[in-house]
Amino acid sequence: MTQSGRKQPGHQGPETGIQLGRLDEFIGFRLRRIQNQLSRDFAAATADRNLRSGLFSSLAIIAANPGISQNELSGAVGLDKSITVQIVDELEKRQLAVRKRSQTDRRRHALFATDAGQTYLDELFDIMARTEDIVLHQLSRAELGLLRELLDRMYQAFDQKGIPL
């Protein structure tokens, strides 16, 4: 859109006529707007699975990092430790993940995805791929790679400032 709010040539999407004002200057607003829509679409596509917020990402992190501790999982997903405990409890209840005593530190539990958890993840990732493909086809492979790189670089800036990830 131009500053006047008129549609630019080649612009795709609904014309709302609503000005973003100062929000137009902030990347966080744009990221959140896209994230909100993708989350709504994914939630709608998985509504029949009773998928609690944080469950999918937690299971995916556990599967990618067999033996991860609950504390490490909490940091990786960005959730409060008490919420992470509830999520791990639910993953175990659904038989998607298991806690095992750590071989190196008996005070902690190591988390592992079960075979059923891996199968469930495969299904969810297929749904997520279809959900994201609706918008990601707007970008070339090179643009998508650049976007991932830029977002990762932005995220790592939090760690450099001493903000826990």
N, C-alpha and C. Protein backbone atom coordinates (compact mmCIF):
# COMPACT_ATOMS: atom_id res chain seq x y z
N MET A 1 0.83 -1.18 0.00
CA MET A 1 0.00 0.00 0.00
C MET A 1 0.88 1.24 0.00
N THR A 2 0.37 2.27 -0.58
CA THR A 2 1.06 3.56 -0.53
C THR A 2 0.70 4.24 0.78
N GLN A 3 1.40 5.34 1.10
CA GLN A 3 1.10 6.06 2.33
C GLN A 3 -0.33 6.59 2.33
N SER A 4 -0.88 6.84 1.19
CA SER A 4 -2.26 7.33 1.12
C SER A 4 -3.27 6.21 1.38
N GLY A 5 -2.76 4.97 1.47
CA GLY A 5 -3.65 3.84 1.73
C GLY A 5 -4.20 3.22 0.47
N ARG A 6 -3.79 3.70 -0.67
CA ARG A 6 -4.28 3.13 -1.94
C ARG A 6 -3.51 1.86 -2.26
N LYS A 7 -4.15 0.98 -2.92
CA LYS A 7 -3.56 -0.28 -3.34
C LYS A 7 -2.46 -0.03 -4.36
N GLN A 8 -1.30 -0.65 -4.12
CA GLN A 8 -0.21 -0.54 -5.08
C GLN A 8 -0.45 -1.54 -6.20
N PRO A 9 0.04 -1.24 -7.40
CA PRO A 9 -0.10 -2.21 -8.49
C PRO A 9 0.54 -3.55 -8.09
N GLY A 10 -0.17 -4.62 -8.34
CA GLY A 10 0.35 -5.95 -8.03
C GLY A 10 0.12 -6.37 -6.59
N HIS A 11 -0.42 -5.48 -5.74
CA HIS A 11 -0.68 -5.82 -4.34
C HIS A 11 -1.80 -6.85 -4.27
N GLN A 12 -1.57 -7.91 -3.51
CA GLN A 12 -2.57 -8.95 -3.35
C GLN A 12 -3.21 -8.84 -1.98
N GLY A 13 -4.47 -9.06 -1.87
CA GLY A 13 -5.14 -9.07 -0.59
C GLY A 13 -6.32 -8.13 -0.58
N PRO A 14 -7.15 -8.25 0.45
CA PRO A 14 -8.36 -7.42 0.51
C PRO A 14 -8.01 -5.97 0.77
N GLU A 15 -8.78 -5.11 0.18
CA GLU A 15 -8.62 -3.66 0.40
C GLU A 15 -9.54 -3.28 1.54
N THR A 16 -8.95 -2.90 2.67
CA THR A 16 -9.78 -2.56 3.82
C THR A 16 -9.97 -1.06 3.95
N GLY A 17 -9.05 -0.29 3.39
CA GLY A 17 -9.14 1.15 3.54
C GLY A 17 -8.71 1.62 4.92
N ILE A 18 -8.27 0.72 5.77
CA ILE A 18 -7.85 1.08 7.13
C ILE A 18 -6.38 1.42 7.12
N GLN A 19 -6.07 2.60 7.64
CA GLN A 19 -4.68 3.04 7.75
C GLN A 19 -4.03 2.40 8.98
N LEU A 20 -2.78 2.01 8.85
CA LEU A 20 -2.06 1.44 9.98
C LEU A 20 -1.45 2.53 10.87
N GLY A 21 -1.36 3.72 10.33
CA GLY A 21 -0.78 4.80 11.12
C GLY A 21 0.65 4.47 11.53
N ARG A 22 0.98 4.76 12.76
CA ARG A 22 2.34 4.55 13.24
C ARG A 22 2.71 3.06 13.32
N LEU A 23 1.71 2.20 13.40
CA LEU A 23 1.99 0.76 13.41
C LEU A 23 2.71 0.33 12.15
N ASP A 24 2.51 1.05 11.07
CA ASP A 24 3.15 0.74 9.80
C ASP A 24 4.67 0.72 9.90
N GLU A 25 5.21 1.39 10.90
CA GLU A 25 6.66 1.51 11.07
C GLU A 25 7.27 0.37 11.88
N PHE A 26 6.45 -0.49 12.46
CA PHE A 26 6.97 -1.48 13.40
C PHE A 26 6.83 -2.91 12.87
N ILE A 27 7.96 -3.60 12.83
CA ILE A 27 8.01 -4.97 12.31
C ILE A 27 7.25 -5.94 13.22
N GLY A 28 7.28 -5.68 14.54
CA GLY A 28 6.58 -6.55 15.48
C GLY A 28 5.10 -6.66 15.18
N PHE A 29 4.49 -5.54 14.81
CA PHE A 29 3.07 -5.56 14.46
C PHE A 29 2.83 -6.43 13.24
N ARG A 30 3.67 -6.26 12.24
CA ARG A 30 3.51 -7.05 11.01
C ARG A 30 3.71 -8.55 11.28
N LEU A 31 4.73 -8.88 12.08
CA LEU A 31 4.97 -10.28 12.42
C LEU A 31 3.81 -10.87 13.21
N ARG A 32 3.31 -10.11 14.16
CA ARG A 32 2.23 -10.59 15.00
C ARG A 32 0.95 -10.81 14.19
N ARG A 33 0.69 -9.90 13.25
CA ARG A 33 -0.50 -10.01 12.41
C ARG A 33 -0.46 -11.31 11.60
N ILE A 34 0.69 -11.61 11.03
CA ILE A 34 0.83 -12.86 10.26
C ILE A 34 0.74 -14.07 11.19
N GLN A 35 1.43 -13.99 12.33
CA GLN A 35 1.42 -15.09 13.28
C GLN A 35 0.00 -15.36 13.78
N ASN A 36 -0.75 -14.31 14.07
CA ASN A 36 -2.13 -14.48 14.52
C ASN A 36 -2.97 -15.22 13.48
N GLN A 37 -2.83 -14.83 12.21
CA GLN A 37 -3.62 -15.47 11.17
C GLN A 37 -3.21 -16.94 10.97
N LEU A 38 -1.90 -17.19 10.95
CA LEU A 38 -1.43 -18.57 10.81
C LEU A 38 -1.90 -19.42 11.99
N SER A 39 -1.85 -18.85 13.19
CA SER A 39 -2.30 -19.59 14.38
C SER A 39 -3.79 -19.91 14.29
N ARG A 40 -4.58 -18.94 13.86
CA ARG A 40 -6.03 -19.18 13.71
C ARG A 40 -6.30 -20.28 12.69
N ASP A 41 -5.60 -20.21 11.55
CA ASP A 41 -5.80 -21.21 10.51
C ASP A 41 -5.38 -22.61 10.98
N PHE A 42 -4.24 -22.69 11.69
CA PHE A 42 -3.76 -23.97 12.20
C PHE A 42 -4.72 -24.50 13.26
N ALA A 43 -5.19 -23.63 14.14
CA ALA A 43 -6.15 -24.05 15.18
C ALA A 43 -7.43 -24.58 14.55
N ALA A 44 -7.90 -23.92 13.51
CA ALA A 44 -9.12 -24.37 12.83
C ALA A 44 -8.89 -25.74 12.18
N ALA A 45 -7.71 -25.93 11.60
CA ALA A 45 -7.41 -27.19 10.92
C ALA A 45 -7.18 -28.34 11.89
N THR A 46 -6.87 -28.02 13.15
CA THR A 46 -6.60 -29.06 14.14
C THR A 46 -7.63 -29.08 15.26
N ALA A 47 -8.76 -28.41 15.06
CA ALA A 47 -9.78 -28.28 16.11
C ALA A 47 -10.25 -29.63 16.63
N ASP A 48 -10.29 -30.64 15.78
CA ASP A 48 -10.77 -31.96 16.18
C ASP A 48 -9.77 -32.71 17.06
N ARG A 49 -8.58 -32.17 17.24
CA ARG A 49 -7.52 -32.86 17.99
C ARG A 49 -7.36 -32.35 19.42
N ASN A 50 -8.17 -31.36 19.82
CA ASN A 50 -8.07 -30.80 21.17
C ASN A 50 -6.62 -30.44 21.50
N LEU A 51 -6.03 -29.67 20.62
CA LEU A 51 -4.61 -29.34 20.70
C LEU A 51 -4.40 -28.10 21.56
N ARG A 52 -3.95 -28.31 22.76
CA ARG A 52 -3.69 -27.23 23.71
C ARG A 52 -2.50 -26.39 23.24
N SER A 53 -2.56 -25.10 23.51
CA SER A 53 -1.47 -24.19 23.15
C SER A 53 -0.17 -24.66 23.81
N GLY A 54 0.88 -24.72 23.03
CA GLY A 54 2.18 -25.13 23.54
C GLY A 54 2.46 -26.61 23.41
N LEU A 55 1.43 -27.41 23.23
CA LEU A 55 1.62 -28.87 23.16
C LEU A 55 2.40 -29.27 21.91
N PHE A 56 1.99 -28.75 20.77
CA PHE A 56 2.64 -29.10 19.51
C PHE A 56 4.11 -28.69 19.51
N SER A 57 4.38 -27.43 19.86
CA SER A 57 5.77 -26.97 19.83
C SER A 57 6.61 -27.71 20.86
N SER A 58 6.05 -28.01 22.02
CA SER A 58 6.80 -28.75 23.03
C SER A 58 7.14 -30.15 22.56
N LEU A 59 6.16 -30.83 21.97
CA LEU A 59 6.41 -32.18 21.46
C LEU A 59 7.44 -32.14 20.34
N ALA A 60 7.37 -31.14 19.48
CA ALA A 60 8.33 -31.03 18.38
C ALA A 60 9.75 -30.81 18.91
N ILE A 61 9.89 -29.99 19.95
CA ILE A 61 11.21 -29.74 20.54
C ILE A 61 11.73 -31.00 21.22
N ILE A 62 10.86 -31.71 21.91
CA ILE A 62 11.26 -32.97 22.56
C ILE A 62 11.73 -33.98 21.51
N ALA A 63 10.98 -34.11 20.43
CA ALA A 63 11.35 -35.07 19.38
C ALA A 63 12.68 -34.70 18.73
N ALA A 64 12.94 -33.42 18.58
CA ALA A 64 14.18 -32.98 17.95
C ALA A 64 15.38 -33.03 18.90
N ASN A 65 15.09 -33.14 20.21
CA ASN A 65 16.15 -33.12 21.23
C ASN A 65 15.91 -34.22 22.25
N PRO A 66 16.01 -35.50 21.85
CA PRO A 66 15.74 -36.58 22.79
C PRO A 66 16.59 -36.44 24.06
N GLY A 67 15.92 -36.55 25.20
CA GLY A 67 16.62 -36.44 26.48
C GLY A 67 16.64 -35.03 27.06
N ILE A 68 16.00 -34.09 26.38
CA ILE A 68 15.96 -32.71 26.86
C ILE A 68 15.28 -32.67 28.24
N SER A 69 15.72 -31.78 29.11
CA SER A 69 15.09 -31.64 30.42
C SER A 69 13.87 -30.73 30.32
N GLN A 70 13.00 -30.80 31.33
CA GLN A 70 11.84 -29.91 31.34
C GLN A 70 12.27 -28.46 31.39
N ASN A 71 13.33 -28.16 32.13
CA ASN A 71 13.83 -26.80 32.24
C ASN A 71 14.33 -26.30 30.89
N GLU A 72 15.07 -27.13 30.18
CA GLU A 72 15.56 -26.75 28.84
C GLU A 72 14.39 -26.57 27.88
N LEU A 73 13.40 -27.45 27.98
CA LEU A 73 12.21 -27.34 27.14
C LEU A 73 11.49 -26.03 27.40
N SER A 74 11.34 -25.68 28.66
CA SER A 74 10.68 -24.44 29.03
C SER A 74 11.36 -23.24 28.37
N GLY A 75 12.69 -23.21 28.40
CA GLY A 75 13.43 -22.12 27.78
C GLY A 75 13.31 -22.12 26.27
N ALA A 76 13.35 -23.30 25.67
CA ALA A 76 13.30 -23.40 24.22
C ALA A 76 11.95 -22.98 23.65
N VAL A 77 10.88 -23.31 24.37
CA VAL A 77 9.53 -23.00 23.89
C VAL A 77 9.10 -21.61 24.33
N GLY A 78 9.75 -21.10 25.38
CA GLY A 78 9.43 -19.77 25.86
C GLY A 78 8.21 -19.75 26.77
N LEU A 79 8.01 -20.84 27.50
CA LEU A 79 6.87 -20.92 28.42
C LEU A 79 7.36 -20.96 29.86
N ASP A 80 6.51 -20.53 30.77
CA ASP A 80 6.79 -20.60 32.19
C ASP A 80 6.98 -22.07 32.58
N LYS A 81 7.85 -22.32 33.55
CA LYS A 81 8.15 -23.70 33.94
C LYS A 81 6.92 -24.45 34.44
N SER A 82 6.03 -23.77 35.15
CA SER A 82 4.82 -24.45 35.64
C SER A 82 3.91 -24.86 34.49
N ILE A 83 3.84 -24.04 33.46
CA ILE A 83 3.03 -24.38 32.27
C ILE A 83 3.67 -25.56 31.55
N THR A 84 5.00 -25.56 31.48
CA THR A 84 5.72 -26.65 30.82
C THR A 84 5.44 -27.98 31.52
N VAL A 85 5.40 -27.96 32.84
CA VAL A 85 5.09 -29.19 33.59
C VAL A 85 3.70 -29.69 33.21
N GLN A 86 2.73 -28.80 33.12
CA GLN A 86 1.38 -29.19 32.74
C GLN A 86 1.35 -29.78 31.32
N ILE A 87 2.11 -29.17 30.43
CA ILE A 87 2.15 -29.67 29.05
C ILE A 87 2.78 -31.05 29.00
N VAL A 88 3.89 -31.24 29.71
CA VAL A 88 4.54 -32.55 29.74
C VAL A 88 3.60 -33.59 30.36
N ASP A 89 2.88 -33.19 31.41
CA ASP A 89 1.88 -34.10 32.00
C ASP A 89 0.86 -34.53 30.95
N GLU A 90 0.39 -33.57 30.16
CA GLU A 90 -0.60 -33.89 29.13
C GLU A 90 0.00 -34.76 28.03
N LEU A 91 1.23 -34.48 27.64
CA LEU A 91 1.90 -35.31 26.63
C LEU A 91 2.02 -36.75 27.11
N GLU A 92 2.35 -36.92 28.39
CA GLU A 92 2.43 -38.27 28.94
C GLU A 92 1.05 -38.93 29.01
N LYS A 93 0.05 -38.16 29.42
CA LYS A 93 -1.31 -38.69 29.50
C LYS A 93 -1.79 -39.18 28.14
N ARG A 94 -1.43 -38.44 27.09
CA ARG A 94 -1.81 -38.83 25.73
C ARG A 94 -0.86 -39.87 25.14
N GLN A 95 0.15 -40.25 25.89
CA GLN A 95 1.17 -41.22 25.47
C GLN A 95 1.94 -40.75 24.24
N LEU A 96 2.19 -39.43 24.18
CA LEU A 96 2.95 -38.84 23.09
C LEU A 96 4.40 -38.63 23.47
N ALA A 97 4.68 -38.56 24.76
CA ALA A 97 6.04 -38.38 25.27
C ALA A 97 6.14 -39.08 26.62
N VAL A 98 7.38 -39.35 27.03
CA VAL A 98 7.63 -39.97 28.33
C VAL A 98 8.75 -39.23 29.03
N ARG A 99 8.67 -39.26 30.38
CA ARG A 99 9.75 -38.77 31.24
C ARG A 99 10.54 -39.99 31.69
N LYS A 100 11.85 -39.86 31.65
CA LYS A 100 12.71 -40.92 32.20
C LYS A 100 13.76 -40.24 33.07
N ARG A 101 14.17 -40.94 34.12
CA ARG A 101 15.24 -40.40 34.96
C ARG A 101 16.49 -40.21 34.11
N SER A 102 17.12 -39.07 34.28
CA SER A 102 18.35 -38.80 33.56
C SER A 102 19.44 -39.77 34.01
N GLN A 103 20.22 -40.24 33.06
CA GLN A 103 21.33 -41.14 33.38
C GLN A 103 22.49 -40.40 34.02
N THR A 104 22.57 -39.09 33.77
CA THR A 104 23.71 -38.30 34.27
C THR A 104 23.36 -37.48 35.50
N ASP A 105 22.09 -37.15 35.70
CA ASP A 105 21.67 -36.33 36.85
C ASP A 105 20.33 -36.86 37.34
N ARG A 106 20.36 -37.61 38.44
CA ARG A 106 19.16 -38.29 38.93
C ARG A 106 18.09 -37.32 39.41
N ARG A 107 18.44 -36.02 39.57
CA ARG A 107 17.45 -35.04 40.02
C ARG A 107 16.57 -34.55 38.89
N ARG A 108 16.95 -34.83 37.67
CA ARG A 108 16.16 -34.31 36.54
C ARG A 108 15.58 -35.46 35.72
N HIS A 109 14.58 -35.11 34.94
CA HIS A 109 13.96 -36.05 34.03
C HIS A 109 14.37 -35.71 32.61
N ALA A 110 14.58 -36.73 31.83
CA ALA A 110 14.85 -36.57 30.40
C ALA A 110 13.54 -36.88 29.67
N LEU A 111 13.26 -36.09 28.65
CA LEU A 111 12.01 -36.23 27.91
C LEU A 111 12.25 -36.85 26.54
N PHE A 112 11.34 -37.74 26.15
CA PHE A 112 11.45 -38.43 24.87
C PHE A 112 10.07 -38.53 24.22
N ALA A 113 10.02 -38.35 22.92
CA ALA A 113 8.78 -38.57 22.18
C ALA A 113 8.60 -40.07 21.99
N THR A 114 7.37 -40.52 22.09
CA THR A 114 7.04 -41.93 21.85
C THR A 114 6.84 -42.13 20.34
N ASP A 115 6.68 -43.37 19.94
CA ASP A 115 6.36 -43.64 18.54
C ASP A 115 5.03 -42.98 18.16
N ALA A 116 4.05 -43.05 19.07
CA ALA A 116 2.76 -42.40 18.82
C ALA A 116 2.95 -40.88 18.71
N GLY A 117 3.85 -40.34 19.53
CA GLY A 117 4.15 -38.92 19.46
C GLY A 117 4.77 -38.52 18.14
N GLN A 118 5.66 -39.36 17.62
CA GLN A 118 6.29 -39.10 16.32
C GLN A 118 5.25 -39.12 15.20
N THR A 119 4.35 -40.08 15.26
CA THR A 119 3.28 -40.18 14.26
C THR A 119 2.37 -38.96 14.33
N TYR A 120 2.02 -38.57 15.54
CA TYR A 120 1.17 -37.39 15.76
C TYR A 120 1.86 -36.14 15.21
N LEU A 121 3.15 -36.01 15.47
CA LEU A 121 3.91 -34.87 14.94
C LEU A 121 3.90 -34.84 13.42
N ASP A 122 4.09 -36.00 12.80
CA ASP A 122 4.05 -36.06 11.33
C ASP A 122 2.73 -35.52 10.80
N GLU A 123 1.64 -35.92 11.44
CA GLU A 123 0.32 -35.44 11.02
C GLU A 123 0.20 -33.92 11.20
N LEU A 124 0.65 -33.42 12.36
CA LEU A 124 0.56 -31.99 12.64
C LEU A 124 1.45 -31.16 11.71
N PHE A 125 2.64 -31.68 11.43
CA PHE A 125 3.53 -30.95 10.51
C PHE A 125 2.94 -30.91 9.09
N ASP A 126 2.26 -31.97 8.69
CA ASP A 126 1.58 -31.95 7.38
C ASP A 126 0.51 -30.86 7.35
N ILE A 127 -0.26 -30.77 8.44
CA ILE A 127 -1.30 -29.74 8.53
C ILE A 127 -0.67 -28.36 8.53
N MET A 128 0.40 -28.20 9.29
CA MET A 128 1.07 -26.90 9.35
C MET A 128 1.64 -26.51 7.98
N ALA A 129 2.21 -27.46 7.28
CA ALA A 129 2.76 -27.17 5.95
C ALA A 129 1.67 -26.68 5.01
N ARG A 130 0.52 -27.34 5.04
CA ARG A 130 -0.60 -26.90 4.19
C ARG A 130 -1.09 -25.51 4.60
N THR A 131 -1.15 -25.27 5.91
CA THR A 131 -1.61 -23.98 6.42
C THR A 131 -0.67 -22.86 5.98
N GLU A 132 0.63 -23.07 6.14
CA GLU A 132 1.60 -22.03 5.80
C GLU A 132 1.78 -21.87 4.30
N ASP A 133 1.58 -22.94 3.56
CA ASP A 133 1.76 -22.87 2.11
C ASP A 133 0.82 -21.86 1.47
N ILE A 134 -0.31 -21.64 2.09
CA ILE A 134 -1.28 -20.68 1.57
C ILE A 134 -0.65 -19.30 1.42
N VAL A 135 0.24 -18.93 2.33
CA VAL A 135 0.88 -17.61 2.24
C VAL A 135 2.32 -17.68 1.78
N LEU A 136 3.02 -18.75 2.09
CA LEU A 136 4.44 -18.82 1.76
C LEU A 136 4.70 -18.94 0.26
N HIS A 137 3.71 -19.37 -0.50
CA HIS A 137 3.92 -19.47 -1.94
C HIS A 137 4.12 -18.08 -2.56
N GLN A 138 3.87 -17.03 -1.78
CA GLN A 138 4.11 -15.66 -2.25
C GLN A 138 5.60 -15.35 -2.34
N LEU A 139 6.43 -16.16 -1.67
CA LEU A 139 7.87 -15.93 -1.63
C LEU A 139 8.62 -16.97 -2.45
N SER A 140 9.70 -16.55 -3.07
CA SER A 140 10.57 -17.50 -3.76
C SER A 140 11.36 -18.28 -2.71
N ARG A 141 12.01 -19.35 -3.15
CA ARG A 141 12.85 -20.13 -2.23
C ARG A 141 13.92 -19.25 -1.60
N ALA A 142 14.54 -18.42 -2.41
CA ALA A 142 15.60 -17.52 -1.92
C ALA A 142 15.03 -16.52 -0.91
N GLU A 143 13.86 -15.99 -1.21
CA GLU A 143 13.24 -15.03 -0.28
C GLU A 143 12.86 -15.71 1.03
N LEU A 144 12.35 -16.91 0.94
CA LEU A 144 11.99 -17.64 2.15
C LEU A 144 13.23 -17.95 2.99
N GLY A 145 14.31 -18.35 2.34
CA GLY A 145 15.57 -18.59 3.06
C GLY A 145 16.08 -17.31 3.73
N LEU A 146 15.99 -16.21 3.02
CA LEU A 146 16.42 -14.92 3.58
C LEU A 146 15.53 -14.53 4.76
N LEU A 147 14.22 -14.73 4.63
CA LEU A 147 13.31 -14.41 5.72
C LEU A 147 13.66 -15.22 6.97
N ARG A 148 13.89 -16.51 6.82
CA ARG A 148 14.27 -17.36 7.96
C ARG A 148 15.56 -16.86 8.60
N GLU A 149 16.54 -16.54 7.76
CA GLU A 149 17.82 -16.05 8.27
C GLU A 149 17.65 -14.74 9.04
N LEU A 150 16.87 -13.83 8.50
CA LEU A 150 16.66 -12.54 9.16
C LEU A 150 15.90 -12.70 10.47
N LEU A 151 14.88 -13.54 10.48
CA LEU A 151 14.12 -13.76 11.71
C LEU A 151 14.99 -14.42 12.78
N ASP A 152 15.82 -15.38 12.39
CA ASP A 152 16.73 -16.03 13.34
C ASP A 152 17.72 -15.01 13.91
N ARG A 153 18.23 -14.16 13.06
CA ARG A 153 19.18 -13.14 13.50
C ARG A 153 18.51 -12.17 14.49
N MET A 154 17.28 -11.81 14.20
CA MET A 154 16.53 -10.94 15.11
C MET A 154 16.31 -11.63 16.45
N TYR A 155 15.94 -12.90 16.42
CA TYR A 155 15.69 -13.64 17.65
C TYR A 155 16.95 -13.76 18.49
N GLN A 156 18.08 -14.01 17.84
CA GLN A 156 19.34 -14.15 18.56
C GLN A 156 19.79 -12.84 19.20
N ALA A 157 19.29 -11.72 18.72
CA ALA A 157 19.62 -10.43 19.33
C ALA A 157 19.13 -10.38 20.77
N PHE A 158 18.04 -11.08 21.09
CA PHE A 158 17.56 -11.12 22.46
C PHE A 158 18.60 -11.76 23.37
N ASP A 159 19.20 -12.86 22.92
CA ASP A 159 20.22 -13.54 23.70
C ASP A 159 21.43 -12.66 23.91
N GLN A 160 21.81 -11.90 22.90
CA GLN A 160 22.97 -11.01 22.99
C GLN A 160 22.75 -9.88 23.99
N LYS A 161 21.49 -9.54 24.22
CA LYS A 161 21.17 -8.49 25.18
C LYS A 161 21.06 -9.05 26.60
N GLY A 162 21.26 -10.36 26.74
CA GLY A 162 21.15 -10.97 28.05
C GLY A 162 19.73 -11.33 28.43
N ILE A 163 18.83 -11.26 27.48
CA ILE A 163 17.43 -11.63 27.74
C ILE A 163 17.32 -13.14 27.54
N PRO A 164 16.87 -13.87 28.55
CA PRO A 164 16.79 -15.34 28.39
C PRO A 164 15.84 -15.71 27.27
N LEU A 165 16.26 -16.69 26.46
CA LEU A 165 15.43 -17.18 25.35
C LEU A 165 14.56 -18.31 25.81
